[in-house]
Amino acid sequence: MKRKSYDNFFINFATRSKFDIIMALRDGPLSVGEIAEKVGDEQSAVSHNLTKMARCHILDVKREGKQRIYSLNKDTVIPMLRIVEKHVKHCCVGRCDNECR
């Protein structure tokens, strides 16, 4: 697999606005408006990021009436977040909070 594929995947976690969206969706599916409210960003900016993230299959999109409901990819992103949370809980808390920035 080419490095560019990895870059395209991980940019979704390295960009603050996209990572905020991921963190907002950890608790479950949300509409664009709900995500924008949770992350404190304009709906147009959130919508732009959601389109890119859905294209990379970071997010799943389901249509409910006129709304699109976004959720994290259950097969890849959610398991990866669980691994990261385990790592952070056991290896990072209190150790690298300020040193890794």
PDB file of N, CA and C in Angstrom:
ATOM      1  N   MET A   1       0.842  -1.182   0.000  1.00  0.00           N
ATOM      2  CA  MET A   1       0.000   0.000   0.000  1.00  0.00           C
ATOM      3  C   MET A   1       0.887   1.244   0.000  1.00  0.00           C
ATOM      4  N   LYS A   2       0.490   2.238  -0.742  1.00  0.00           N
ATOM      5  CA  LYS A   2       1.285   3.453  -0.879  1.00  0.00           C
ATOM      6  C   LYS A   2       1.133   4.362   0.338  1.00  0.00           C
ATOM      7  N   ARG A   3       2.199   5.078   0.635  1.00  0.00           N
ATOM      8  CA  ARG A   3       2.202   6.010   1.764  1.00  0.00           C
ATOM      9  C   ARG A   3       1.079   7.036   1.637  1.00  0.00           C
ATOM     10  N   LYS A   4       0.773   7.464   0.439  1.00  0.00           N
ATOM     11  CA  LYS A   4      -0.278   8.464   0.205  1.00  0.00           C
ATOM     12  C   LYS A   4      -1.607   8.000   0.786  1.00  0.00           C
ATOM     13  N   SER A   5      -1.892   6.713   0.710  1.00  0.00           N
ATOM     14  CA  SER A   5      -3.132   6.173   1.274  1.00  0.00           C
ATOM     15  C   SER A   5      -3.163   6.356   2.785  1.00  0.00           C
ATOM     16  N   TYR A   6      -2.022   6.121   3.426  1.00  0.00           N
ATOM     17  CA  TYR A   6      -1.928   6.330   4.875  1.00  0.00           C
ATOM     18  C   TYR A   6      -2.087   7.815   5.205  1.00  0.00           C
ATOM     19  N   ASP A   7      -1.421   8.659   4.422  1.00  0.00           N
ATOM     20  CA  ASP A   7      -1.534  10.100   4.628  1.00  0.00           C
ATOM     21  C   ASP A   7      -2.990  10.545   4.541  1.00  0.00           C
ATOM     22  N   ASN A   8      -3.683  10.067   3.518  1.00  0.00           N
ATOM     23  CA  ASN A   8      -5.087  10.431   3.325  1.00  0.00           C
ATOM     24  C   ASN A   8      -5.963   9.959   4.480  1.00  0.00           C
ATOM     25  N   PHE A   9      -5.641   8.807   5.029  1.00  0.00           N
ATOM     26  CA  PHE A   9      -6.405   8.291   6.170  1.00  0.00           C
ATOM     27  C   PHE A   9      -6.134   9.119   7.420  1.00  0.00           C
ATOM     28  N   PHE A  10      -4.858   9.288   7.771  1.00  0.00           N
ATOM     29  CA  PHE A  10      -4.505   9.914   9.039  1.00  0.00           C
ATOM     30  C   PHE A  10      -4.709  11.424   9.078  1.00  0.00           C
ATOM     31  N   ILE A  11      -4.836  12.069   7.929  1.00  0.00           N
ATOM     32  CA  ILE A  11      -5.102  13.510   7.929  1.00  0.00           C
ATOM     33  C   ILE A  11      -6.443  13.795   8.609  1.00  0.00           C
ATOM     34  N   ASN A  12      -7.338  12.824   8.586  1.00  0.00           N
ATOM     35  CA  ASN A  12      -8.634  12.991   9.247  1.00  0.00           C
ATOM     36  C   ASN A  12      -8.511  13.040  10.763  1.00  0.00           C
ATOM     37  N   PHE A  13      -7.424  12.523  11.280  1.00  0.00           N
ATOM     38  CA  PHE A  13      -7.209  12.525  12.722  1.00  0.00           C
ATOM     39  C   PHE A  13      -6.235  13.629  13.136  1.00  0.00           C
ATOM     40  N   ALA A  14      -5.460  14.129  12.181  1.00  0.00           N
ATOM     41  CA  ALA A  14      -4.450  15.147  12.475  1.00  0.00           C
ATOM     42  C   ALA A  14      -4.994  16.567  12.338  1.00  0.00           C
ATOM     43  N   THR A  15      -6.049  16.733  11.590  1.00  0.00           N
ATOM     44  CA  THR A  15      -6.658  18.043  11.408  1.00  0.00           C
ATOM     45  C   THR A  15      -7.644  18.285  12.546  1.00  0.00           C
ATOM     46  N   ARG A  16      -7.456  19.368  13.271  1.00  0.00           N
ATOM     47  CA  ARG A  16      -8.265  19.646  14.466  1.00  0.00           C
ATOM     48  C   ARG A  16      -9.763  19.617  14.172  1.00  0.00           C
ATOM     49  N   SER A  17     -10.206  20.275  13.113  1.00  0.00           N
ATOM     50  CA  SER A  17     -11.640  20.334  12.829  1.00  0.00           C
ATOM     51  C   SER A  17     -12.218  18.951  12.512  1.00  0.00           C
ATOM     52  N   LYS A  18     -11.467  18.146  11.784  1.00  0.00           N
ATOM     53  CA  LYS A  18     -11.944  16.794  11.474  1.00  0.00           C
ATOM     54  C   LYS A  18     -11.900  15.905  12.709  1.00  0.00           C
ATOM     55  N   PHE A  19     -10.859  16.050  13.511  1.00  0.00           N
ATOM     56  CA  PHE A  19     -10.763  15.251  14.733  1.00  0.00           C
ATOM     57  C   PHE A  19     -11.884  15.616  15.706  1.00  0.00           C
ATOM     58  N   ASP A  20     -12.246  16.901  15.767  1.00  0.00           N
ATOM     59  CA  ASP A  20     -13.378  17.321  16.601  1.00  0.00           C
ATOM     60  C   ASP A  20     -14.671  16.629  16.162  1.00  0.00           C
ATOM     61  N   ILE A  21     -14.843  16.482  14.865  1.00  0.00           N
ATOM     62  CA  ILE A  21     -16.023  15.786  14.336  1.00  0.00           C
ATOM     63  C   ILE A  21     -15.999  14.318  14.769  1.00  0.00           C
ATOM     64  N   ILE A  22     -14.847  13.685  14.654  1.00  0.00           N
ATOM     65  CA  ILE A  22     -14.718  12.283  15.072  1.00  0.00           C
ATOM     66  C   ILE A  22     -15.074  12.133  16.547  1.00  0.00           C
ATOM     67  N   MET A  23     -14.559  13.027  17.368  1.00  0.00           N
ATOM     68  CA  MET A  23     -14.821  12.947  18.803  1.00  0.00           C
ATOM     69  C   MET A  23     -16.298  13.214  19.109  1.00  0.00           C
ATOM     70  N   ALA A  24     -16.929  14.092  18.348  1.00  0.00           N
ATOM     71  CA  ALA A  24     -18.355  14.377  18.540  1.00  0.00           C
ATOM     72  C   ALA A  24     -19.209  13.158  18.201  1.00  0.00           C
ATOM     73  N   LEU A  25     -18.746  12.350  17.251  1.00  0.00           N
ATOM     74  CA  LEU A  25     -19.522  11.186  16.814  1.00  0.00           C
ATOM     75  C   LEU A  25     -19.246   9.921  17.641  1.00  0.00           C
ATOM     76  N   ARG A  26     -18.337  10.006  18.598  1.00  0.00           N
ATOM     77  CA  ARG A  26     -18.036   8.827  19.428  1.00  0.00           C
ATOM     78  C   ARG A  26     -19.271   8.314  20.165  1.00  0.00           C
ATOM     79  N   ASP A  27     -20.149   9.224  20.566  1.00  0.00           N
ATOM     80  CA  ASP A  27     -21.330   8.832  21.344  1.00  0.00           C
ATOM     81  C   ASP A  27     -22.503   8.387  20.487  1.00  0.00           C
ATOM     82  N   GLY A  28     -22.375   8.507  19.167  1.00  0.00           N
ATOM     83  CA  GLY A  28     -23.439   8.041  18.305  1.00  0.00           C
ATOM     84  C   GLY A  28     -23.684   8.957  17.123  1.00  0.00           C
ATOM     85  N   PRO A  29     -24.577   8.533  16.231  1.00  0.00           N
ATOM     86  CA  PRO A  29     -24.866   9.262  14.996  1.00  0.00           C
ATOM     87  C   PRO A  29     -25.460  10.645  15.253  1.00  0.00           C
ATOM     88  N   LEU A  30     -25.115  11.588  14.360  1.00  0.00           N
ATOM     89  CA  LEU A  30     -25.614  12.958  14.458  1.00  0.00           C
ATOM     90  C   LEU A  30     -25.835  13.532  13.063  1.00  0.00           C
ATOM     91  N   SER A  31     -26.694  14.543  12.992  1.00  0.00           N
ATOM     92  CA  SER A  31     -26.889  15.291  11.747  1.00  0.00           C
ATOM     93  C   SER A  31     -25.825  16.375  11.645  1.00  0.00           C
ATOM     94  N   VAL A  32     -25.745  17.020  10.495  1.00  0.00           N
ATOM     95  CA  VAL A  32     -24.769  18.084  10.278  1.00  0.00           C
ATOM     96  C   VAL A  32     -24.957  19.198  11.303  1.00  0.00           C
ATOM     97  N   GLY A  33     -26.190  19.611  11.505  1.00  0.00           N
ATOM     98  CA  GLY A  33     -26.477  20.678  12.457  1.00  0.00           C
ATOM     99  C   GLY A  33     -26.072  20.318  13.877  1.00  0.00           C
ATOM    100  N   GLU A  34     -26.341  19.087  14.268  1.00  0.00           N
ATOM    101  CA  GLU A  34     -25.967  18.635  15.614  1.00  0.00           C
ATOM    102  C   GLU A  34     -24.452  18.599  15.781  1.00  0.00           C
ATOM    103  N   ILE A  35     -23.749  18.155  14.736  1.00  0.00           N
ATOM    104  CA  ILE A  35     -22.287  18.119  14.787  1.00  0.00           C
ATOM    105  C   ILE A  35     -21.743  19.542  14.880  1.00  0.00           C
ATOM    106  N   ALA A  36     -22.250  20.441  14.047  1.00  0.00           N
ATOM    107  CA  ALA A  36     -21.790  21.834  14.054  1.00  0.00           C
ATOM    108  C   ALA A  36     -21.976  22.459  15.433  1.00  0.00           C
ATOM    109  N   GLU A  37     -23.092  22.183  16.052  1.00  0.00           N
ATOM    110  CA  GLU A  37     -23.358  22.708  17.401  1.00  0.00           C
ATOM    111  C   GLU A  37     -22.377  22.132  18.418  1.00  0.00           C
ATOM    112  N   LYS A  38     -22.133  20.832  18.333  1.00  0.00           N
ATOM    113  CA  LYS A  38     -21.214  20.174  19.274  1.00  0.00           C
ATOM    114  C   LYS A  38     -19.781  20.650  19.145  1.00  0.00           C
ATOM    115  N   VAL A  39     -19.319  20.861  17.917  1.00  0.00           N
ATOM    116  CA  VAL A  39     -17.927  21.252  17.707  1.00  0.00           C
ATOM    117  C   VAL A  39     -17.735  22.764  17.693  1.00  0.00           C
ATOM    118  N   GLY A  40     -18.834  23.514  17.638  1.00  0.00           N
ATOM    119  CA  GLY A  40     -18.745  24.973  17.657  1.00  0.00           C
ATOM    120  C   GLY A  40     -18.188  25.568  16.383  1.00  0.00           C
ATOM    121  N   ASP A  41     -18.525  24.955  15.263  1.00  0.00           N
ATOM    122  CA  ASP A  41     -18.052  25.439  13.971  1.00  0.00           C
ATOM    123  C   ASP A  41     -19.251  25.719  13.079  1.00  0.00           C
ATOM    124  N   GLU A  42     -19.032  26.486  12.018  1.00  0.00           N
ATOM    125  CA  GLU A  42     -20.116  26.793  11.092  1.00  0.00           C
ATOM    126  C   GLU A  42     -20.546  25.538  10.348  1.00  0.00           C
ATOM    127  N   GLN A  43     -21.840  25.448  10.097  1.00  0.00           N
ATOM    128  CA  GLN A  43     -22.389  24.252   9.450  1.00  0.00           C
ATOM    129  C   GLN A  43     -21.766  24.022   8.074  1.00  0.00           C
ATOM    130  N   SER A  44     -21.477  25.077   7.332  1.00  0.00           N
ATOM    131  CA  SER A  44     -20.889  24.906   5.995  1.00  0.00           C
ATOM    132  C   SER A  44     -19.491  24.280   6.082  1.00  0.00           C
ATOM    133  N   ALA A  45     -18.697  24.694   7.067  1.00  0.00           N
ATOM    134  CA  ALA A  45     -17.355  24.122   7.246  1.00  0.00           C
ATOM    135  C   ALA A  45     -17.446  22.666   7.670  1.00  0.00           C
ATOM    136  N   VAL A  46     -18.374  22.370   8.569  1.00  0.00           N
ATOM    137  CA  VAL A  46     -18.574  20.995   9.023  1.00  0.00           C
ATOM    138  C   VAL A  46     -19.028  20.129   7.855  1.00  0.00           C
ATOM    139  N   SER A  47     -19.968  20.619   7.079  1.00  0.00           N
ATOM    140  CA  SER A  47     -20.482  19.871   5.931  1.00  0.00           C
ATOM    141  C   SER A  47     -19.364  19.566   4.937  1.00  0.00           C
ATOM    142  N   HIS A  48     -18.506  20.534   4.698  1.00  0.00           N
ATOM    143  CA  HIS A  48     -17.365  20.350   3.792  1.00  0.00           C
ATOM    144  C   HIS A  48     -16.461  19.219   4.294  1.00  0.00           C
ATOM    145  N   ASN A  49     -16.147  19.227   5.588  1.00  0.00           N
ATOM    146  CA  ASN A  49     -15.307  18.179   6.164  1.00  0.00           C
ATOM    147  C   ASN A  49     -16.006  16.820   6.160  1.00  0.00           C
ATOM    148  N   LEU A  50     -17.289  16.803   6.431  1.00  0.00           N
ATOM    149  CA  LEU A  50     -18.039  15.545   6.441  1.00  0.00           C
ATOM    150  C   LEU A  50     -18.002  14.873   5.069  1.00  0.00           C
ATOM    151  N   THR A  51     -18.113  15.668   4.018  1.00  0.00           N
ATOM    152  CA  THR A  51     -18.068  15.120   2.665  1.00  0.00           C
ATOM    153  C   THR A  51     -16.733  14.423   2.410  1.00  0.00           C
ATOM    154  N   LYS A  52     -15.640  15.090   2.782  1.00  0.00           N
ATOM    155  CA  LYS A  52     -14.311  14.499   2.596  1.00  0.00           C
ATOM    156  C   LYS A  52     -14.140  13.240   3.436  1.00  0.00           C
ATOM    157  N   MET A  53     -14.607  13.285   4.675  1.00  0.00           N
ATOM    158  CA  MET A  53     -14.444  12.148   5.587  1.00  0.00           C
ATOM    159  C   MET A  53     -15.293  10.954   5.151  1.00  0.00           C
ATOM    160  N   ALA A  54     -16.464  11.216   4.620  1.00  0.00           N
ATOM    161  CA  ALA A  54     -17.319  10.136   4.122  1.00  0.00           C
ATOM    162  C   ALA A  54     -16.693   9.512   2.877  1.00  0.00           C
ATOM    163  N   ARG A  55     -16.068  10.329   2.042  1.00  0.00           N
ATOM    164  CA  ARG A  55     -15.402   9.826   0.830  1.00  0.00           C
ATOM    165  C   ARG A  55     -14.267   8.860   1.188  1.00  0.00           C
ATOM    166  N   CYS A  56     -13.617   9.113   2.325  1.00  0.00           N
ATOM    167  CA  CYS A  56     -12.515   8.251   2.787  1.00  0.00           C
ATOM    168  C   CYS A  56     -13.020   7.092   3.651  1.00  0.00           C
ATOM    169  N   HIS A  57     -14.322   6.990   3.812  1.00  0.00           N
ATOM    170  CA  HIS A  57     -14.961   5.936   4.618  1.00  0.00           C
ATOM    171  C   HIS A  57     -14.582   6.002   6.099  1.00  0.00           C
ATOM    172  N   ILE A  58     -14.225   7.196   6.556  1.00  0.00           N
ATOM    173  CA  ILE A  58     -14.044   7.421   7.988  1.00  0.00           C
ATOM    174  C   ILE A  58     -15.434   7.430   8.624  1.00  0.00           C
ATOM    175  N   LEU A  59     -16.400   7.941   7.874  1.00  0.00           N
ATOM    176  CA  LEU A  59     -17.781   8.057   8.329  1.00  0.00           C
ATOM    177  C   LEU A  59     -18.719   7.260   7.442  1.00  0.00           C
ATOM    178  N   ASP A  60     -19.797   6.816   8.037  1.00  0.00           N
ATOM    179  CA  ASP A  60     -20.913   6.239   7.294  1.00  0.00           C
ATOM    180  C   ASP A  60     -22.013   7.295   7.252  1.00  0.00           C
ATOM    181  N   VAL A  61     -22.761   7.321   6.158  1.00  0.00           N
ATOM    182  CA  VAL A  61     -23.827   8.303   5.989  1.00  0.00           C
ATOM    183  C   VAL A  61     -25.126   7.571   5.699  1.00  0.00           C
ATOM    184  N   LYS A  62     -26.159   7.971   6.427  1.00  0.00           N
ATOM    185  CA  LYS A  62     -27.489   7.385   6.217  1.00  0.00           C
ATOM    186  C   LYS A  62     -28.470   8.537   6.032  1.00  0.00           C
ATOM    187  N   ARG A  63     -29.357   8.397   5.081  1.00  0.00           N
ATOM    188  CA  ARG A  63     -30.350   9.441   4.835  1.00  0.00           C
ATOM    189  C   ARG A  63     -31.615   9.126   5.638  1.00  0.00           C
ATOM    190  N   GLU A  64     -32.067  10.128   6.403  1.00  0.00           N
ATOM    191  CA  GLU A  64     -33.328  10.032   7.138  1.00  0.00           C
ATOM    192  C   GLU A  64     -34.176  11.221   6.735  1.00  0.00           C
ATOM    193  N   GLY A  65     -35.128  10.964   5.833  1.00  0.00           N
ATOM    194  CA  GLY A  65     -35.912  12.070   5.292  1.00  0.00           C
ATOM    195  C   GLY A  65     -35.006  12.984   4.495  1.00  0.00           C
ATOM    196  N   LYS A  66     -35.002  14.271   4.852  1.00  0.00           N
ATOM    197  CA  LYS A  66     -34.153  15.240   4.149  1.00  0.00           C
ATOM    198  C   LYS A  66     -32.776  15.367   4.790  1.00  0.00           C
ATOM    199  N   GLN A  67     -32.588  14.755   5.943  1.00  0.00           N
ATOM    200  CA  GLN A  67     -31.313  14.868   6.656  1.00  0.00           C
ATOM    201  C   GLN A  67     -30.379  13.711   6.351  1.00  0.00           C
ATOM    202  N   ARG A  68     -29.103  14.021   6.438  1.00  0.00           N
ATOM    203  CA  ARG A  68     -28.076  12.983   6.387  1.00  0.00           C
ATOM    204  C   ARG A  68     -27.581  12.801   7.809  1.00  0.00           C
ATOM    205  N   ILE A  69     -27.508  11.561   8.227  1.00  0.00           N
ATOM    206  CA  ILE A  69     -27.042  11.236   9.569  1.00  0.00           C
ATOM    207  C   ILE A  69     -25.674  10.567   9.435  1.00  0.00           C
ATOM    208  N   TYR A  70     -24.718  11.096  10.162  1.00  0.00           N
ATOM    209  CA  TYR A  70     -23.342  10.626  10.086  1.00  0.00           C
ATOM    210  C   TYR A  70     -22.983   9.810  11.315  1.00  0.00           C
ATOM    211  N   SER A  71     -22.199   8.759  11.097  1.00  0.00           N
ATOM    212  CA  SER A  71     -21.688   7.939  12.193  1.00  0.00           C
ATOM    213  C   SER A  71     -20.275   7.482  11.830  1.00  0.00           C
ATOM    214  N   LEU A  72     -19.540   7.084  12.844  1.00  0.00           N
ATOM    215  CA  LEU A  72     -18.183   6.587  12.614  1.00  0.00           C
ATOM    216  C   LEU A  72     -18.230   5.209  11.976  1.00  0.00           C
ATOM    217  N   ASN A  73     -17.273   4.918  11.119  1.00  0.00           N
ATOM    218  CA  ASN A  73     -17.161   3.607  10.491  1.00  0.00           C
ATOM    219  C   ASN A  73     -16.961   2.553  11.585  1.00  0.00           C
ATOM    220  N   LYS A  74     -17.929   1.656  11.687  1.00  0.00           N
ATOM    221  CA  LYS A  74     -17.926   0.651  12.766  1.00  0.00           C
ATOM    222  C   LYS A  74     -16.853  -0.423  12.591  1.00  0.00           C
ATOM    223  N   ASP A  75     -16.450  -0.659  11.356  1.00  0.00           N
ATOM    224  CA  ASP A  75     -15.483  -1.726  11.088  1.00  0.00           C
ATOM    225  C   ASP A  75     -14.032  -1.307  11.322  1.00  0.00           C
ATOM    226  N   THR A  76     -13.734  -0.033  11.120  1.00  0.00           N
ATOM    227  CA  THR A  76     -12.335   0.397  11.221  1.00  0.00           C
ATOM    228  C   THR A  76     -12.101   1.495  12.245  1.00  0.00           C
ATOM    229  N   VAL A  77     -12.872   2.570  12.178  1.00  0.00           N
ATOM    230  CA  VAL A  77     -12.596   3.746  13.011  1.00  0.00           C
ATOM    231  C   VAL A  77     -12.917   3.484  14.478  1.00  0.00           C
ATOM    232  N   ILE A  78     -14.066   2.911  14.760  1.00  0.00           N
ATOM    233  CA  ILE A  78     -14.425   2.654  16.166  1.00  0.00           C
ATOM    234  C   ILE A  78     -13.427   1.701  16.830  1.00  0.00           C
ATOM    235  N   PRO A  79     -13.068   0.571  16.214  1.00  0.00           N
ATOM    236  CA  PRO A  79     -12.049  -0.276  16.842  1.00  0.00           C
ATOM    237  C   PRO A  79     -10.706   0.441  17.034  1.00  0.00           C
ATOM    238  N   MET A  80     -10.328   1.276  16.069  1.00  0.00           N
ATOM    239  CA  MET A  80      -9.076   2.004  16.200  1.00  0.00           C
ATOM    240  C   MET A  80      -9.135   2.985  17.371  1.00  0.00           C
ATOM    241  N   LEU A  81     -10.262   3.668  17.527  1.00  0.00           N
ATOM    242  CA  LEU A  81     -10.412   4.594  18.654  1.00  0.00           C
ATOM    243  C   LEU A  81     -10.345   3.866  19.994  1.00  0.00           C
ATOM    244  N   ARG A  82     -10.888   2.664  20.037  1.00  0.00           N
ATOM    245  CA  ARG A  82     -10.803   1.870  21.282  1.00  0.00           C
ATOM    246  C   ARG A  82      -9.350   1.545  21.619  1.00  0.00           C
ATOM    247  N   ILE A  83      -8.574   1.196  20.616  1.00  0.00           N
ATOM    248  CA  ILE A  83      -7.152   0.907  20.829  1.00  0.00           C
ATOM    249  C   ILE A  83      -6.419   2.166  21.306  1.00  0.00           C
ATOM    250  N   VAL A  84      -6.713   3.294  20.677  1.00  0.00           N
ATOM    251  CA  VAL A  84      -6.071   4.550  21.063  1.00  0.00           C
ATOM    252  C   VAL A  84      -6.452   4.924  22.494  1.00  0.00           C
ATOM    253  N   GLU A  85      -7.735   4.780  22.834  1.00  0.00           N
ATOM    254  CA  GLU A  85      -8.184   5.091  24.196  1.00  0.00           C
ATOM    255  C   GLU A  85      -7.474   4.219  25.223  1.00  0.00           C
ATOM    256  N   LYS A  86      -7.291   2.946  24.896  1.00  0.00           N
ATOM    257  CA  LYS A  86      -6.575   2.037  25.796  1.00  0.00           C
ATOM    258  C   LYS A  86      -5.130   2.503  25.964  1.00  0.00           C
ATOM    259  N   HIS A  87      -4.493   2.860  24.869  1.00  0.00           N
ATOM    260  CA  HIS A  87      -3.111   3.334  24.918  1.00  0.00           C
ATOM    261  C   HIS A  87      -3.007   4.610  25.769  1.00  0.00           C
ATOM    262  N   VAL A  88      -3.881   5.557  25.507  1.00  0.00           N
ATOM    263  CA  VAL A  88      -3.855   6.829  26.231  1.00  0.00           C
ATOM    264  C   VAL A  88      -4.069   6.598  27.725  1.00  0.00           C
ATOM    265  N   LYS A  89      -5.031   5.767  28.032  1.00  0.00           N
ATOM    266  CA  LYS A  89      -5.357   5.489  29.445  1.00  0.00           C
ATOM    267  C   LYS A  89      -4.174   4.858  30.176  1.00  0.00           C
ATOM    268  N   HIS A  90      -3.481   3.952  29.529  1.00  0.00           N
ATOM    269  CA  HIS A  90      -2.403   3.211  30.190  1.00  0.00           C
ATOM    270  C   HIS A  90      -1.020   3.832  30.014  1.00  0.00           C
ATOM    271  N   CYS A  91      -0.829   4.605  28.979  1.00  0.00           N
ATOM    272  CA  CYS A  91       0.529   5.068  28.669  1.00  0.00           C
ATOM    273  C   CYS A  91       0.710   6.585  28.664  1.00  0.00           C
ATOM    274  N   CYS A  92      -0.351   7.350  28.523  1.00  0.00           N
ATOM    275  CA  CYS A  92      -0.177   8.784  28.304  1.00  0.00           C
ATOM    276  C   CYS A  92      -0.646   9.679  29.451  1.00  0.00           C
ATOM    277  N   VAL A  93      -1.715   9.304  30.118  1.00  0.00           N
ATOM    278  CA  VAL A  93      -2.290  10.176  31.132  1.00  0.00           C
ATOM    279  C   VAL A  93      -1.251  10.503  32.195  1.00  0.00           C
ATOM    280  N   GLY A  94      -1.000  11.813  32.333  1.00  0.00           N
ATOM    281  CA  GLY A  94      -0.039  12.284  33.326  1.00  0.00           C
ATOM    282  C   GLY A  94       1.403  12.175  32.913  1.00  0.00           C
ATOM    283  N   ARG A  95       1.671  11.538  31.777  1.00  0.00           N
ATOM    284  CA  ARG A  95       3.056  11.332  31.346  1.00  0.00           C
ATOM    285  C   ARG A  95       3.449  12.221  30.178  1.00  0.00           C
ATOM    286  N   CYS A  96       2.583  12.337  29.219  1.00  0.00           N
ATOM    287  CA  CYS A  96       2.982  13.060  28.005  1.00  0.00           C
ATOM    288  C   CYS A  96       2.006  14.174  27.641  1.00  0.00           C
ATOM    289  N   ASP A  97       1.204  14.609  28.587  1.00  0.00           N
ATOM    290  CA  ASP A  97       0.189  15.622  28.287  1.00  0.00           C
ATOM    291  C   ASP A  97       0.783  16.875  27.641  1.00  0.00           C
ATOM    292  N   ASN A  98       1.859  17.396  28.160  1.00  0.00           N
ATOM    293  CA  ASN A  98       2.457  18.616  27.605  1.00  0.00           C
ATOM    294  C   ASN A  98       3.713  18.324  26.785  1.00  0.00           C
ATOM    295  N   GLU A  99       4.304  17.190  26.963  1.00  0.00           N
ATOM    296  CA  GLU A  99       5.581  16.893  26.319  1.00  0.00           C
ATOM    297  C   GLU A  99       5.453  16.504  24.856  1.00  0.00           C
ATOM    298  N   CYS A 100       4.301  16.054  24.434  1.00  0.00           N
ATOM    299  CA  CYS A 100       4.151  15.553  23.062  1.00  0.00           C
ATOM    300  C   CYS A 100       3.660  16.623  22.091  1.00  0.00           C
ATOM    301  N   ARG A 101       3.449  17.812  22.537  1.00  0.00           N
ATOM    302  CA  ARG A 101       2.910  18.856  21.654  1.00  0.00           C
ATOM    303  C   ARG A 101       3.979  19.631  20.983  1.00  0.00           C
TER     304      ARG A 101
END
